[in-house]
Amino acid sequence: MKKLFVSGLTAISLSLLFPAIGLAQYTGPPNVVGLFEFPDGTGATNTFTVGSPVDIFLILIHPVDEQNGNTPYTTINAFELMLNFHPPGNLFLLGAILPPGVGDITESIDLSEGYLEFVVGYAADFPVTDETVVLITLTFLVLAPVNIEVTLGPTFNPSIPGEMAFQSVVGDMRIMYSISGSHDAPVFWFGHGGAPSVENESFGSVKALYR
């Protein structure tokens, strides 16, 4: 498996990642992750944009310690998951902005293999703001009209078998759940579908290790 590693990159401005509006109306389950148009976990979950870069935010909503009375976490320092694209084709990742002090990924990545794997450890704890954390900001480019569904699921070698995960306390990974309710149900669409707006392995694996 060919992997792309990133390290030692420039810190990113907080203004690129800070959730602008809280999720005061959010009443769903905790520890859910999804892809959204806006960095507060709202907006469209699909795009028809072709030929121009489009930013999409990977967001963890309402992170809590389910093993200790659903105590809210105030910071996050690691996460792992995989984005799967069905079917792949005509889609590139132009960049991925991680929280300040972690760095960014700027190399264009062809997603024809159908997945992006992220195993990320932050250099410092990153705060939860208004019950949300922007785990990563992704910039995609669609080269031609497509109909691609994006699902979220575990990595090839997950810390918790069969699950996506995040960490607040070092050594205590916690399960993240897809906001769609299933690893097989789409959370985002390129070219079609999407929920209503709300207030062969190569070059597809991106790992950022900063511990």
N, C-alpha and C. Protein backbone atom coordinates (compact mmCIF):
# COMPACT_ATOMS: atom_id res chain seq x y z
N MET A 1 0.84 -1.18 0.00
CA MET A 1 0.00 0.00 0.00
C MET A 1 0.88 1.24 0.00
N LYS A 2 0.69 2.12 -0.95
CA LYS A 2 1.44 3.36 -1.00
C LYS A 2 0.74 4.39 -0.15
N LYS A 3 1.48 5.04 0.76
CA LYS A 3 0.88 5.99 1.68
C LYS A 3 1.53 7.35 1.51
N LEU A 4 0.76 8.38 1.76
CA LEU A 4 1.25 9.74 1.74
C LEU A 4 1.34 10.24 3.17
N PHE A 5 2.55 10.61 3.60
CA PHE A 5 2.75 11.12 4.95
C PHE A 5 2.95 12.62 4.90
N VAL A 6 2.46 13.33 5.94
CA VAL A 6 2.65 14.77 6.03
C VAL A 6 3.20 15.08 7.41
N SER A 7 4.13 16.04 7.45
CA SER A 7 4.70 16.39 8.75
C SER A 7 5.39 17.74 8.65
N GLY A 8 5.55 18.37 9.82
CA GLY A 8 6.34 19.58 9.91
C GLY A 8 5.80 20.73 9.08
N LEU A 9 4.50 20.86 8.93
CA LEU A 9 3.94 21.89 8.10
C LEU A 9 3.50 23.10 8.93
N THR A 10 3.24 24.20 8.26
CA THR A 10 2.94 25.45 8.93
C THR A 10 1.60 25.41 9.64
N ALA A 11 1.52 26.02 10.81
CA ALA A 11 0.26 26.09 11.54
C ALA A 11 -0.76 26.88 10.74
N ILE A 12 -2.04 26.50 10.88
CA ILE A 12 -3.12 27.11 10.13
C ILE A 12 -3.89 28.07 11.03
N SER A 13 -4.36 29.16 10.46
CA SER A 13 -5.12 30.15 11.23
C SER A 13 -6.38 29.55 11.81
N LEU A 14 -6.69 29.92 13.06
CA LEU A 14 -7.91 29.45 13.70
C LEU A 14 -9.15 29.87 12.93
N SER A 15 -9.08 30.97 12.20
CA SER A 15 -10.26 31.46 11.50
C SER A 15 -10.72 30.51 10.42
N LEU A 16 -9.86 29.62 9.96
CA LEU A 16 -10.25 28.66 8.92
C LEU A 16 -11.02 27.50 9.48
N LEU A 17 -10.93 27.28 10.79
CA LEU A 17 -11.49 26.08 11.37
C LEU A 17 -12.51 26.33 12.46
N PHE A 18 -12.60 27.54 12.96
CA PHE A 18 -13.46 27.81 14.12
C PHE A 18 -14.92 27.69 13.74
N PRO A 19 -15.68 26.86 14.44
CA PRO A 19 -17.11 26.76 14.15
C PRO A 19 -17.81 28.10 14.39
N ALA A 20 -18.36 28.69 13.32
CA ALA A 20 -18.88 30.04 13.40
C ALA A 20 -20.18 30.12 14.20
N ILE A 21 -21.01 29.09 14.13
CA ILE A 21 -22.31 29.12 14.78
C ILE A 21 -22.49 27.82 15.54
N GLY A 22 -22.99 27.92 16.74
CA GLY A 22 -23.21 26.72 17.53
C GLY A 22 -24.39 25.90 17.04
N LEU A 23 -24.49 24.66 17.53
CA LEU A 23 -25.59 23.78 17.17
C LEU A 23 -26.61 23.76 18.31
N ALA A 24 -27.18 24.93 18.60
CA ALA A 24 -28.09 25.04 19.73
C ALA A 24 -29.30 24.14 19.56
N GLN A 25 -29.71 23.88 18.30
CA GLN A 25 -30.89 23.08 18.06
C GLN A 25 -30.59 21.59 17.95
N TYR A 26 -29.31 21.21 18.03
CA TYR A 26 -28.98 19.80 17.82
C TYR A 26 -29.51 18.95 18.97
N THR A 27 -30.30 17.95 18.63
CA THR A 27 -30.89 17.08 19.65
C THR A 27 -30.62 15.61 19.36
N GLY A 28 -29.73 15.34 18.42
CA GLY A 28 -29.43 13.96 18.04
C GLY A 28 -28.48 13.29 19.00
N PRO A 29 -28.04 12.09 18.66
CA PRO A 29 -27.12 11.34 19.52
C PRO A 29 -25.74 11.98 19.56
N PRO A 30 -24.95 11.69 20.58
CA PRO A 30 -23.59 12.24 20.66
C PRO A 30 -22.61 11.47 19.79
N ASN A 31 -21.42 12.04 19.66
CA ASN A 31 -20.28 11.38 19.00
C ASN A 31 -20.58 10.99 17.56
N VAL A 32 -21.29 11.87 16.83
CA VAL A 32 -21.56 11.60 15.43
C VAL A 32 -20.66 12.46 14.56
N VAL A 33 -20.30 11.93 13.39
CA VAL A 33 -19.41 12.63 12.47
C VAL A 33 -20.05 12.66 11.09
N GLY A 34 -19.88 13.79 10.41
CA GLY A 34 -20.45 13.92 9.08
C GLY A 34 -19.70 14.94 8.26
N LEU A 35 -20.12 15.10 7.00
CA LEU A 35 -19.55 16.08 6.08
C LEU A 35 -20.61 17.15 5.80
N PHE A 36 -20.19 18.43 5.89
CA PHE A 36 -21.14 19.52 5.79
C PHE A 36 -20.59 20.68 4.97
N GLU A 37 -21.52 21.51 4.50
CA GLU A 37 -21.14 22.69 3.72
C GLU A 37 -20.51 23.77 4.59
N PHE A 38 -20.95 23.88 5.85
CA PHE A 38 -20.46 24.93 6.73
C PHE A 38 -19.75 24.34 7.95
N PRO A 39 -18.81 25.11 8.56
CA PRO A 39 -18.00 24.57 9.65
C PRO A 39 -18.71 24.47 10.99
N ASP A 40 -20.02 24.75 11.03
CA ASP A 40 -20.76 24.57 12.27
C ASP A 40 -21.64 23.33 12.21
N GLY A 41 -21.46 22.50 11.19
CA GLY A 41 -22.25 21.28 11.06
C GLY A 41 -23.62 21.51 10.45
N THR A 42 -23.75 22.55 9.65
CA THR A 42 -25.01 22.82 8.97
C THR A 42 -24.74 22.99 7.47
N GLY A 43 -25.81 23.22 6.73
CA GLY A 43 -25.69 23.46 5.30
C GLY A 43 -25.91 22.22 4.47
N ALA A 44 -25.73 22.37 3.17
CA ALA A 44 -26.00 21.28 2.23
C ALA A 44 -25.08 20.10 2.47
N THR A 45 -25.58 18.92 2.17
CA THR A 45 -24.76 17.70 2.23
C THR A 45 -24.58 17.13 0.82
N ASN A 46 -24.64 18.01 -0.17
CA ASN A 46 -24.29 17.61 -1.53
C ASN A 46 -23.83 18.84 -2.29
N THR A 47 -23.16 18.63 -3.43
CA THR A 47 -22.70 19.73 -4.27
C THR A 47 -22.80 19.33 -5.73
N PHE A 48 -23.18 20.31 -6.55
CA PHE A 48 -23.24 20.11 -8.00
C PHE A 48 -22.06 20.81 -8.69
N THR A 49 -21.15 21.40 -7.92
CA THR A 49 -20.06 22.19 -8.48
C THR A 49 -19.11 21.32 -9.30
N VAL A 50 -18.84 21.73 -10.53
CA VAL A 50 -17.92 21.04 -11.42
C VAL A 50 -16.89 22.04 -11.92
N GLY A 51 -15.61 21.67 -11.85
CA GLY A 51 -14.55 22.50 -12.41
C GLY A 51 -14.01 23.57 -11.49
N SER A 52 -14.56 23.70 -10.28
CA SER A 52 -14.07 24.68 -9.31
C SER A 52 -13.90 24.00 -7.96
N PRO A 53 -12.89 24.41 -7.18
CA PRO A 53 -12.69 23.81 -5.85
C PRO A 53 -13.89 24.05 -4.96
N VAL A 54 -14.19 23.07 -4.12
CA VAL A 54 -15.28 23.20 -3.15
C VAL A 54 -14.80 22.70 -1.79
N ASP A 55 -15.04 23.47 -0.74
CA ASP A 55 -14.64 23.10 0.61
C ASP A 55 -15.77 22.35 1.30
N ILE A 56 -15.42 21.26 1.97
CA ILE A 56 -16.37 20.48 2.75
C ILE A 56 -15.74 20.21 4.11
N PHE A 57 -16.54 20.29 5.16
CA PHE A 57 -16.01 20.20 6.52
C PHE A 57 -16.39 18.86 7.15
N LEU A 58 -15.38 18.15 7.64
CA LEU A 58 -15.58 16.91 8.39
C LEU A 58 -15.70 17.28 9.87
N ILE A 59 -16.88 17.04 10.45
CA ILE A 59 -17.19 17.60 11.76
C ILE A 59 -17.66 16.52 12.72
N LEU A 60 -17.08 16.54 13.92
CA LEU A 60 -17.53 15.70 15.03
C LEU A 60 -18.49 16.53 15.88
N ILE A 61 -19.69 15.99 16.11
CA ILE A 61 -20.74 16.71 16.82
C ILE A 61 -20.98 16.09 18.19
N HIS A 62 -21.00 16.93 19.20
CA HIS A 62 -21.35 16.57 20.59
C HIS A 62 -20.48 15.41 21.11
N PRO A 63 -19.15 15.60 21.14
CA PRO A 63 -18.28 14.54 21.67
C PRO A 63 -18.41 14.39 23.18
N VAL A 64 -18.71 13.18 23.63
CA VAL A 64 -18.87 12.90 25.06
C VAL A 64 -18.18 11.58 25.39
N ASP A 65 -17.96 11.37 26.68
CA ASP A 65 -17.40 10.12 27.18
C ASP A 65 -18.55 9.18 27.52
N GLU A 66 -18.93 8.32 26.59
CA GLU A 66 -20.06 7.43 26.80
C GLU A 66 -19.81 6.41 27.90
N GLN A 67 -18.56 6.18 28.25
CA GLN A 67 -18.23 5.22 29.29
C GLN A 67 -18.26 5.83 30.68
N ASN A 68 -18.48 7.14 30.75
CA ASN A 68 -18.51 7.82 32.05
C ASN A 68 -19.64 8.85 32.08
N GLY A 69 -20.86 8.35 31.91
CA GLY A 69 -22.04 9.20 32.07
C GLY A 69 -22.22 10.27 31.02
N ASN A 70 -21.68 10.04 29.82
CA ASN A 70 -21.81 11.03 28.74
C ASN A 70 -21.26 12.40 29.12
N THR A 71 -20.18 12.39 29.87
CA THR A 71 -19.51 13.64 30.23
C THR A 71 -18.95 14.32 28.99
N PRO A 72 -19.31 15.57 28.72
CA PRO A 72 -18.81 16.25 27.51
C PRO A 72 -17.29 16.40 27.52
N TYR A 73 -16.69 16.18 26.37
CA TYR A 73 -15.26 16.45 26.21
C TYR A 73 -15.07 17.93 25.85
N THR A 74 -14.00 18.52 26.34
CA THR A 74 -13.71 19.92 26.03
C THR A 74 -12.62 20.05 24.96
N THR A 75 -11.88 18.96 24.71
CA THR A 75 -10.83 18.99 23.69
C THR A 75 -10.77 17.65 22.98
N ILE A 76 -10.16 17.67 21.78
CA ILE A 76 -9.93 16.47 20.97
C ILE A 76 -8.47 16.47 20.56
N ASN A 77 -7.81 15.31 20.53
CA ASN A 77 -6.41 15.30 20.11
C ASN A 77 -6.07 14.21 19.10
N ALA A 78 -7.08 13.43 18.64
CA ALA A 78 -6.80 12.42 17.62
C ALA A 78 -8.11 11.90 17.04
N PHE A 79 -8.03 11.40 15.82
CA PHE A 79 -9.19 10.71 15.24
C PHE A 79 -8.73 9.79 14.13
N GLU A 80 -9.58 8.82 13.79
CA GLU A 80 -9.30 7.91 12.69
C GLU A 80 -10.60 7.48 12.04
N LEU A 81 -10.60 7.55 10.70
CA LEU A 81 -11.76 7.12 9.93
C LEU A 81 -11.36 7.03 8.46
N MET A 82 -12.28 6.53 7.66
CA MET A 82 -12.07 6.43 6.23
C MET A 82 -13.27 7.01 5.49
N LEU A 83 -13.00 7.80 4.45
CA LEU A 83 -14.02 8.26 3.53
C LEU A 83 -14.02 7.32 2.34
N ASN A 84 -15.20 6.82 1.99
CA ASN A 84 -15.34 5.92 0.85
C ASN A 84 -16.21 6.57 -0.21
N PHE A 85 -15.78 6.48 -1.47
CA PHE A 85 -16.46 7.14 -2.59
C PHE A 85 -17.03 6.08 -3.53
N HIS A 86 -18.34 6.18 -3.79
CA HIS A 86 -19.05 5.16 -4.56
C HIS A 86 -19.87 5.80 -5.70
N PRO A 87 -19.56 5.54 -6.97
CA PRO A 87 -18.31 4.95 -7.46
C PRO A 87 -17.22 6.02 -7.53
N PRO A 88 -15.96 5.65 -7.53
CA PRO A 88 -14.91 6.64 -7.67
C PRO A 88 -14.78 7.11 -9.11
N GLY A 89 -14.08 8.23 -9.30
CA GLY A 89 -13.82 8.73 -10.64
C GLY A 89 -14.08 10.21 -10.78
N ASN A 90 -13.19 10.90 -11.54
CA ASN A 90 -13.32 12.34 -11.82
C ASN A 90 -13.37 13.21 -10.57
N LEU A 91 -12.71 12.76 -9.51
CA LEU A 91 -12.71 13.50 -8.25
C LEU A 91 -11.30 13.54 -7.68
N PHE A 92 -10.85 14.74 -7.29
CA PHE A 92 -9.53 14.93 -6.70
C PHE A 92 -9.66 15.62 -5.34
N LEU A 93 -8.75 15.28 -4.43
CA LEU A 93 -8.57 16.03 -3.19
C LEU A 93 -7.45 17.03 -3.43
N LEU A 94 -7.75 18.32 -3.36
CA LEU A 94 -6.74 19.35 -3.59
C LEU A 94 -6.01 19.75 -2.32
N GLY A 95 -6.66 19.60 -1.18
CA GLY A 95 -6.02 20.00 0.07
C GLY A 95 -6.83 19.56 1.27
N ALA A 96 -6.15 19.47 2.40
CA ALA A 96 -6.80 19.09 3.66
C ALA A 96 -6.17 19.91 4.77
N ILE A 97 -6.96 20.77 5.39
CA ILE A 97 -6.46 21.64 6.45
C ILE A 97 -6.82 21.03 7.80
N LEU A 98 -5.79 20.79 8.61
CA LEU A 98 -5.95 20.23 9.94
C LEU A 98 -5.90 21.36 10.97
N PRO A 99 -6.23 21.09 12.22
CA PRO A 99 -6.20 22.14 13.24
C PRO A 99 -4.83 22.78 13.38
N PRO A 100 -4.78 23.98 13.95
CA PRO A 100 -3.51 24.71 14.09
C PRO A 100 -2.44 23.89 14.78
N GLY A 101 -1.22 23.97 14.22
CA GLY A 101 -0.10 23.25 14.78
C GLY A 101 0.05 21.84 14.25
N VAL A 102 -0.94 21.37 13.51
CA VAL A 102 -0.87 20.02 12.96
C VAL A 102 -0.32 20.05 11.55
N GLY A 103 -0.76 21.01 10.74
CA GLY A 103 -0.26 21.11 9.39
C GLY A 103 -1.37 20.93 8.38
N ASP A 104 -0.98 20.85 7.10
CA ASP A 104 -1.96 20.64 6.07
C ASP A 104 -1.40 19.76 4.98
N ILE A 105 -2.31 19.22 4.17
CA ILE A 105 -1.96 18.36 3.05
C ILE A 105 -2.31 19.14 1.80
N THR A 106 -1.33 19.43 0.95
CA THR A 106 -1.58 20.30 -0.20
C THR A 106 -1.45 19.57 -1.52
N GLU A 107 -0.95 18.36 -1.52
CA GLU A 107 -0.77 17.65 -2.78
C GLU A 107 -2.09 17.13 -3.32
N SER A 108 -2.29 17.30 -4.63
CA SER A 108 -3.51 16.80 -5.27
C SER A 108 -3.50 15.28 -5.28
N ILE A 109 -4.60 14.69 -4.81
CA ILE A 109 -4.69 13.23 -4.69
C ILE A 109 -5.85 12.73 -5.55
N ASP A 110 -5.55 11.84 -6.47
CA ASP A 110 -6.56 11.22 -7.30
C ASP A 110 -7.33 10.21 -6.45
N LEU A 111 -8.66 10.33 -6.44
CA LEU A 111 -9.47 9.46 -5.61
C LEU A 111 -10.07 8.29 -6.39
N SER A 112 -9.43 7.93 -7.49
CA SER A 112 -9.96 6.84 -8.32
C SER A 112 -9.92 5.50 -7.61
N GLU A 113 -9.14 5.39 -6.52
CA GLU A 113 -9.12 4.15 -5.75
C GLU A 113 -10.34 4.03 -4.85
N GLY A 114 -11.03 5.13 -4.62
CA GLY A 114 -12.30 5.06 -3.93
C GLY A 114 -12.27 5.27 -2.44
N TYR A 115 -11.15 5.72 -1.87
CA TYR A 115 -11.14 5.94 -0.43
C TYR A 115 -10.07 6.95 -0.03
N LEU A 116 -10.26 7.55 1.14
CA LEU A 116 -9.26 8.35 1.83
C LEU A 116 -9.22 7.88 3.27
N GLU A 117 -8.07 7.47 3.74
CA GLU A 117 -7.91 6.98 5.10
C GLU A 117 -7.17 8.03 5.93
N PHE A 118 -7.74 8.40 7.06
CA PHE A 118 -7.12 9.38 7.95
C PHE A 118 -6.87 8.75 9.32
N VAL A 119 -5.60 8.79 9.75
CA VAL A 119 -5.22 8.44 11.12
C VAL A 119 -4.41 9.64 11.62
N VAL A 120 -5.04 10.50 12.41
CA VAL A 120 -4.48 11.81 12.74
C VAL A 120 -4.31 11.95 14.24
N GLY A 121 -3.11 12.34 14.64
CA GLY A 121 -2.85 12.71 16.03
C GLY A 121 -2.41 14.16 16.07
N TYR A 122 -3.15 15.00 16.81
CA TYR A 122 -2.82 16.42 16.87
C TYR A 122 -1.60 16.66 17.76
N ALA A 123 -0.84 17.69 17.43
CA ALA A 123 0.33 18.05 18.24
C ALA A 123 -0.08 18.61 19.59
N ALA A 124 -1.28 19.19 19.65
CA ALA A 124 -1.79 19.74 20.91
C ALA A 124 -3.30 19.54 20.93
N ASP A 125 -3.88 19.54 22.12
CA ASP A 125 -5.33 19.39 22.24
C ASP A 125 -6.04 20.53 21.51
N PHE A 126 -7.10 20.20 20.79
CA PHE A 126 -7.87 21.20 20.05
C PHE A 126 -9.24 21.33 20.70
N PRO A 127 -9.70 22.56 20.98
CA PRO A 127 -10.93 22.73 21.77
C PRO A 127 -12.20 22.37 21.02
N VAL A 128 -13.16 21.86 21.77
CA VAL A 128 -14.53 21.69 21.29
C VAL A 128 -15.25 23.01 21.51
N THR A 129 -15.90 23.51 20.46
CA THR A 129 -16.59 24.80 20.55
C THR A 129 -18.06 24.62 20.17
N ASP A 130 -18.95 25.00 21.06
CA ASP A 130 -20.39 24.86 20.81
C ASP A 130 -20.74 23.42 20.39
N GLU A 131 -20.13 22.45 21.06
CA GLU A 131 -20.40 21.02 20.88
C GLU A 131 -19.95 20.52 19.51
N THR A 132 -19.06 21.23 18.83
CA THR A 132 -18.58 20.77 17.54
C THR A 132 -17.06 20.90 17.45
N VAL A 133 -16.47 20.05 16.61
CA VAL A 133 -15.05 20.15 16.27
C VAL A 133 -14.90 19.92 14.78
N VAL A 134 -14.27 20.87 14.08
CA VAL A 134 -13.92 20.64 12.69
C VAL A 134 -12.65 19.80 12.68
N LEU A 135 -12.80 18.51 12.39
CA LEU A 135 -11.65 17.62 12.41
C LEU A 135 -10.68 17.93 11.27
N ILE A 136 -11.25 18.26 10.10
CA ILE A 136 -10.43 18.54 8.93
C ILE A 136 -11.29 19.24 7.89
N THR A 137 -10.70 20.20 7.18
CA THR A 137 -11.37 20.88 6.08
C THR A 137 -10.82 20.35 4.77
N LEU A 138 -11.69 19.79 3.94
CA LEU A 138 -11.29 19.12 2.71
C LEU A 138 -11.68 19.97 1.50
N THR A 139 -10.75 20.12 0.57
CA THR A 139 -11.03 20.83 -0.68
C THR A 139 -11.01 19.85 -1.84
N PHE A 140 -12.17 19.69 -2.47
CA PHE A 140 -12.32 18.75 -3.57
C PHE A 140 -12.46 19.48 -4.90
N LEU A 141 -12.12 18.77 -5.98
CA LEU A 141 -12.34 19.26 -7.33
C LEU A 141 -12.98 18.15 -8.14
N VAL A 142 -14.16 18.42 -8.68
CA VAL A 142 -14.85 17.49 -9.57
C VAL A 142 -14.55 17.93 -10.99
N LEU A 143 -14.01 17.02 -11.82
CA LEU A 143 -13.58 17.37 -13.16
C LEU A 143 -14.68 17.25 -14.20
N ALA A 144 -15.68 16.44 -13.93
CA ALA A 144 -16.77 16.23 -14.87
C ALA A 144 -18.01 15.88 -14.08
N PRO A 145 -19.20 16.06 -14.66
CA PRO A 145 -20.42 15.70 -13.94
C PRO A 145 -20.37 14.26 -13.44
N VAL A 146 -20.67 14.07 -12.15
CA VAL A 146 -20.58 12.75 -11.53
C VAL A 146 -21.77 12.52 -10.62
N ASN A 147 -21.95 11.28 -10.24
CA ASN A 147 -22.90 10.91 -9.20
C ASN A 147 -22.15 10.02 -8.22
N ILE A 148 -21.58 10.62 -7.19
CA ILE A 148 -20.74 9.91 -6.24
C ILE A 148 -21.32 10.06 -4.84
N GLU A 149 -21.48 8.94 -4.14
CA GLU A 149 -21.91 8.95 -2.75
C GLU A 149 -20.69 8.76 -1.85
N VAL A 150 -20.68 9.47 -0.73
CA VAL A 150 -19.58 9.37 0.23
C VAL A 150 -20.11 8.75 1.52
N THR A 151 -19.47 7.68 1.96
CA THR A 151 -19.79 7.09 3.25
C THR A 151 -18.59 7.20 4.17
N LEU A 152 -18.82 7.07 5.47
CA LEU A 152 -17.76 7.12 6.47
C LEU A 152 -17.70 5.79 7.20
N GLY A 153 -16.47 5.29 7.40
CA GLY A 153 -16.31 4.02 8.08
C GLY A 153 -14.95 3.89 8.71
N PRO A 154 -14.66 2.73 9.29
CA PRO A 154 -13.38 2.51 9.98
C PRO A 154 -12.21 2.41 9.01
N THR A 155 -11.02 2.61 9.54
CA THR A 155 -9.79 2.47 8.77
C THR A 155 -9.48 0.99 8.54
N PHE A 156 -8.41 0.73 7.80
CA PHE A 156 -8.02 -0.65 7.54
C PHE A 156 -7.63 -1.39 8.82
N ASN A 157 -7.01 -0.66 9.75
CA ASN A 157 -6.60 -1.26 11.03
C ASN A 157 -7.09 -0.38 12.18
N PRO A 158 -8.38 -0.39 12.46
CA PRO A 158 -8.94 0.54 13.46
C PRO A 158 -8.53 0.20 14.88
N SER A 159 -8.40 1.23 15.71
CA SER A 159 -8.08 1.03 17.13
C SER A 159 -9.20 0.28 17.84
N ILE A 160 -10.45 0.58 17.46
CA ILE A 160 -11.61 -0.13 17.97
C ILE A 160 -12.17 -0.95 16.81
N PRO A 161 -12.12 -2.27 16.88
CA PRO A 161 -12.50 -3.11 15.74
C PRO A 161 -13.85 -2.73 15.14
N GLY A 162 -13.83 -2.48 13.83
CA GLY A 162 -15.05 -2.20 13.10
C GLY A 162 -15.64 -0.82 13.30
N GLU A 163 -14.89 0.09 13.95
CA GLU A 163 -15.45 1.40 14.29
C GLU A 163 -14.52 2.55 13.91
N MET A 164 -15.11 3.72 13.66
CA MET A 164 -14.36 4.97 13.62
C MET A 164 -14.12 5.41 15.06
N ALA A 165 -13.11 6.25 15.28
CA ALA A 165 -12.80 6.60 16.66
C ALA A 165 -12.18 7.99 16.76
N PHE A 166 -12.32 8.58 17.96
CA PHE A 166 -11.64 9.83 18.28
C PHE A 166 -11.07 9.70 19.69
N GLN A 167 -10.19 10.64 20.05
CA GLN A 167 -9.56 10.60 21.36
C GLN A 167 -9.51 11.99 21.98
N SER A 168 -9.85 12.05 23.27
CA SER A 168 -9.66 13.27 24.05
C SER A 168 -8.61 13.01 25.13
N VAL A 169 -8.78 11.91 25.87
CA VAL A 169 -7.82 11.49 26.88
C VAL A 169 -6.88 10.47 26.23
N VAL A 170 -5.59 10.72 26.30
CA VAL A 170 -4.62 9.85 25.64
C VAL A 170 -4.78 8.42 26.13
N GLY A 171 -4.91 7.51 25.17
CA GLY A 171 -5.06 6.10 25.48
C GLY A 171 -6.51 5.64 25.58
N ASP A 172 -7.46 6.58 25.55
CA ASP A 172 -8.88 6.24 25.65
C ASP A 172 -9.60 6.64 24.37
N MET A 173 -9.54 5.79 23.35
CA MET A 173 -10.26 6.05 22.11
C MET A 173 -11.75 5.81 22.34
N ARG A 174 -12.58 6.61 21.70
CA ARG A 174 -14.03 6.49 21.80
C ARG A 174 -14.62 6.36 20.40
N ILE A 175 -15.73 5.65 20.30
CA ILE A 175 -16.35 5.40 19.00
C ILE A 175 -16.98 6.68 18.46
N MET A 176 -16.78 6.90 17.15
CA MET A 176 -17.52 7.92 16.41
C MET A 176 -18.55 7.20 15.53
N TYR A 177 -19.75 7.76 15.45
CA TYR A 177 -20.82 7.16 14.66
C TYR A 177 -21.12 8.02 13.44
N SER A 178 -21.37 7.40 12.31
CA SER A 178 -21.75 8.15 11.12
C SER A 178 -23.09 8.83 11.35
N ILE A 179 -23.19 10.08 10.95
CA ILE A 179 -24.43 10.81 11.14
C ILE A 179 -25.56 10.22 10.29
N SER A 180 -25.21 9.42 9.30
CA SER A 180 -26.23 8.76 8.47
C SER A 180 -26.85 7.57 9.18
N GLY A 181 -26.23 7.12 10.28
CA GLY A 181 -26.74 5.98 11.03
C GLY A 181 -26.12 4.66 10.65
N SER A 182 -25.25 4.65 9.63
CA SER A 182 -24.65 3.39 9.18
C SER A 182 -23.39 3.69 8.39
N HIS A 183 -22.42 2.79 8.45
CA HIS A 183 -21.22 2.92 7.63
C HIS A 183 -21.54 2.77 6.15
N ASP A 184 -22.68 2.19 5.82
CA ASP A 184 -23.06 1.95 4.42
C ASP A 184 -23.98 3.03 3.86
N ALA A 185 -24.48 3.92 4.70
CA ALA A 185 -25.41 4.96 4.24
C ALA A 185 -24.64 6.25 3.98
N PRO A 186 -24.88 6.90 2.86
CA PRO A 186 -24.12 8.10 2.50
C PRO A 186 -24.34 9.25 3.48
N VAL A 187 -23.27 10.04 3.65
CA VAL A 187 -23.37 11.28 4.42
C VAL A 187 -23.23 12.50 3.53
N PHE A 188 -22.74 12.28 2.29
CA PHE A 188 -22.54 13.39 1.35
C PHE A 188 -22.63 12.86 -0.07
N TRP A 189 -23.04 13.75 -0.99
CA TRP A 189 -23.19 13.38 -2.38
C TRP A 189 -22.52 14.41 -3.27
N PHE A 190 -21.79 13.95 -4.27
CA PHE A 190 -21.33 14.81 -5.35
C PHE A 190 -22.25 14.58 -6.54
N GLY A 191 -23.01 15.61 -6.91
CA GLY A 191 -23.78 15.56 -8.14
C GLY A 191 -25.25 15.22 -8.01
N HIS A 192 -25.66 14.64 -6.90
CA HIS A 192 -27.08 14.28 -6.79
C HIS A 192 -27.42 13.96 -5.35
N GLY A 193 -28.68 13.72 -5.10
CA GLY A 193 -29.12 13.24 -3.80
C GLY A 193 -28.84 14.23 -2.69
N GLY A 194 -28.63 13.70 -1.52
CA GLY A 194 -28.32 14.53 -0.37
C GLY A 194 -29.54 14.79 0.48
N ALA A 195 -29.32 14.87 1.77
CA ALA A 195 -30.39 15.23 2.69
C ALA A 195 -30.67 16.71 2.58
N PRO A 196 -31.82 17.18 3.02
CA PRO A 196 -32.10 18.63 3.00
C PRO A 196 -31.07 19.38 3.83
N SER A 197 -30.83 20.64 3.45
CA SER A 197 -29.91 21.47 4.23
C SER A 197 -30.43 21.60 5.65
N VAL A 198 -29.54 21.70 6.60
CA VAL A 198 -29.91 21.79 8.01
C VAL A 198 -29.23 23.00 8.59
N GLU A 199 -30.21 23.72 9.63
CA GLU A 199 -29.58 24.74 10.42
C GLU A 199 -28.77 23.78 11.19
N ASN A 200 -8.53 -1.23 -4.86
CA ASN A 200 -7.11 -1.55 -5.18
C ASN A 200 -6.35 -0.41 -4.57
N GLU A 201 -5.45 -0.47 -3.66
CA GLU A 201 -5.02 0.53 -2.74
C GLU A 201 -3.78 1.25 -3.25
N SER A 202 -3.92 2.51 -3.58
CA SER A 202 -2.75 3.30 -3.89
C SER A 202 -3.14 4.75 -3.85
N PHE A 203 -2.31 5.57 -3.20
CA PHE A 203 -2.48 7.01 -3.20
C PHE A 203 -3.78 7.43 -2.57
N GLY A 204 -4.48 6.49 -1.94
CA GLY A 204 -5.74 6.85 -1.32
C GLY A 204 -5.64 6.91 0.18
N SER A 205 -4.49 6.64 0.75
CA SER A 205 -4.35 6.60 2.19
C SER A 205 -3.53 7.79 2.66
N VAL A 206 -4.13 8.63 3.50
CA VAL A 206 -3.47 9.83 3.99
C VAL A 206 -3.33 9.71 5.49
N LYS A 207 -2.10 9.66 5.99
CA LYS A 207 -1.90 9.51 7.43
C LYS A 207 -1.08 10.69 7.95
N ALA A 208 -1.58 11.31 9.03
CA ALA A 208 -0.87 12.42 9.66
C ALA A 208 -0.60 12.03 11.10
N LEU A 209 0.66 11.81 11.45
CA LEU A 209 1.03 11.32 12.78
C LEU A 209 1.92 12.36 13.44
N TYR A 210 1.44 12.97 14.53
CA TYR A 210 2.17 14.08 15.14
C TYR A 210 2.42 13.90 16.61
N ARG A 211 2.39 12.66 17.08
CA ARG A 211 2.68 12.43 18.49
C ARG A 211 4.16 12.07 18.65
